[in-house]
Amino acid sequence: MKIEKLELLRRYLTSGLSIRAFSTNAGIPVATFFGYLRAYGHPDNSSIPLLMKHEELPTTLD
């Protein structure tokens, strides 16, 4: 789930949309998406790959 949040943040940062417009387009409540931003310290585009590196990705497709 954390990877999905980071992917959403990456898409938001590269979209150029406002928080409200992006969350509406993504089908996520604005308050929920703002919580994601707050949880990750309002990352910029360069910090998303670093955050993703620190996540343990599954090695199988179970």
C-alpha atoms as a PDB file:
ATOM      1  CA  MET A   1       0.000   0.000   0.000  1.00  0.00           C
ATOM      2  CA  LYS A   2       2.878   2.367   0.743  1.00  0.00           C
ATOM      3  CA  ILE A   3       4.271   1.939  -2.775  1.00  0.00           C
ATOM      4  CA  GLU A   4       0.873   2.828  -4.223  1.00  0.00           C
ATOM      5  CA  LYS A   5       0.817   6.020  -2.158  1.00  0.00           C
ATOM      6  CA  LEU A   6       4.288   6.948  -3.361  1.00  0.00           C
ATOM      7  CA  GLU A   7       3.271   6.261  -6.949  1.00  0.00           C
ATOM      8  CA  LEU A   8       0.253   8.547  -6.505  1.00  0.00           C
ATOM      9  CA  LEU A   9       2.517  11.251  -5.091  1.00  0.00           C
ATOM     10  CA  ARG A  10       4.858  10.877  -8.069  1.00  0.00           C
ATOM     11  CA  ARG A  11       1.944  11.176 -10.473  1.00  0.00           C
ATOM     12  CA  TYR A  12       0.676  14.240  -8.594  1.00  0.00           C
ATOM     13  CA  LEU A  13       4.073  15.951  -8.698  1.00  0.00           C
ATOM     14  CA  THR A  14       4.470  15.377 -12.416  1.00  0.00           C
ATOM     15  CA  SER A  15       0.868  16.271 -13.279  1.00  0.00           C
ATOM     16  CA  GLY A  16       1.086  19.985 -12.539  1.00  0.00           C
ATOM     17  CA  LEU A  17      -2.458  19.859 -11.122  1.00  0.00           C
ATOM     18  CA  SER A  18      -3.627  21.291  -7.826  1.00  0.00           C
ATOM     19  CA  ILE A  19      -4.185  18.902  -4.922  1.00  0.00           C
ATOM     20  CA  ARG A  20      -7.949  19.212  -5.352  1.00  0.00           C
ATOM     21  CA  ALA A  21      -7.894  18.630  -9.128  1.00  0.00           C
ATOM     22  CA  PHE A  22      -5.510  15.673  -8.912  1.00  0.00           C
ATOM     23  CA  SER A  23      -7.357  13.927  -6.085  1.00  0.00           C
ATOM     24  CA  THR A  24     -10.679  14.394  -7.891  1.00  0.00           C
ATOM     25  CA  ASN A  25      -9.225  12.947 -11.113  1.00  0.00           C
ATOM     26  CA  ALA A  26      -7.703  10.032  -9.175  1.00  0.00           C
ATOM     27  CA  GLY A  27     -10.952   9.356  -7.295  1.00  0.00           C
ATOM     28  CA  ILE A  28      -9.380   9.984  -3.888  1.00  0.00           C
ATOM     29  CA  PRO A  29     -10.952  12.259  -1.270  1.00  0.00           C
ATOM     30  CA  VAL A  30      -8.960  15.493  -0.970  1.00  0.00           C
ATOM     31  CA  ALA A  31      -8.484  15.018   2.786  1.00  0.00           C
ATOM     32  CA  THR A  32      -7.077  11.517   2.245  1.00  0.00           C
ATOM     33  CA  PHE A  33      -4.650  12.652  -0.429  1.00  0.00           C
ATOM     34  CA  PHE A  34      -3.564  15.616   1.679  1.00  0.00           C
ATOM     35  CA  GLY A  35      -2.869  13.109   4.464  1.00  0.00           C
ATOM     36  CA  TYR A  36      -0.525  11.241   2.108  1.00  0.00           C
ATOM     37  CA  LEU A  37       1.343  14.477   1.400  1.00  0.00           C
ATOM     38  CA  ARG A  38       1.579  15.277   5.095  1.00  0.00           C
ATOM     39  CA  ALA A  39       2.786  11.743   5.926  1.00  0.00           C
ATOM     40  CA  TYR A  40       5.670  12.009   3.439  1.00  0.00           C
ATOM     41  CA  GLY A  41       6.587  15.605   4.225  1.00  0.00           C
ATOM     42  CA  HIS A  42       5.319  17.084   0.935  1.00  0.00           C
ATOM     43  CA  PRO A  43       8.039  15.393  -1.150  1.00  0.00           C
ATOM     44  CA  ASP A  44       9.350  16.884  -4.340  1.00  0.00           C
ATOM     45  CA  ASN A  45       9.809  14.932  -7.540  1.00  0.00           C
ATOM     46  CA  SER A  46      13.452  14.083  -6.815  1.00  0.00           C
ATOM     47  CA  SER A  47      12.701  12.491  -3.431  1.00  0.00           C
ATOM     48  CA  ILE A  48      10.096   9.966  -4.661  1.00  0.00           C
ATOM     49  CA  PRO A  49      12.667   7.462  -6.070  1.00  0.00           C
ATOM     50  CA  LEU A  50      14.603   7.658  -2.801  1.00  0.00           C
ATOM     51  CA  LEU A  51      11.452   6.982  -0.774  1.00  0.00           C
ATOM     52  CA  MET A  52      10.614   4.044  -3.035  1.00  0.00           C
ATOM     53  CA  LYS A  53      14.128   2.580  -2.620  1.00  0.00           C
ATOM     54  CA  HIS A  54      13.573   2.311   1.118  1.00  0.00           C
ATOM     55  CA  GLU A  55      10.468   0.175   0.632  1.00  0.00           C
ATOM     56  CA  GLU A  56      10.756  -3.582   0.606  1.00  0.00           C
ATOM     57  CA  LEU A  57       9.258  -4.798  -2.628  1.00  0.00           C
ATOM     58  CA  PRO A  58       7.820  -8.306  -2.843  1.00  0.00           C
ATOM     59  CA  THR A  59      10.015 -10.766  -4.710  1.00  0.00           C
ATOM     60  CA  THR A  60       7.175 -13.082  -5.758  1.00  0.00           C
ATOM     61  CA  LEU A  61       3.777 -12.555  -7.291  1.00  0.00           C
ATOM     62  CA  ASP A  62       1.848 -14.626  -4.726  1.00  0.00           C
END
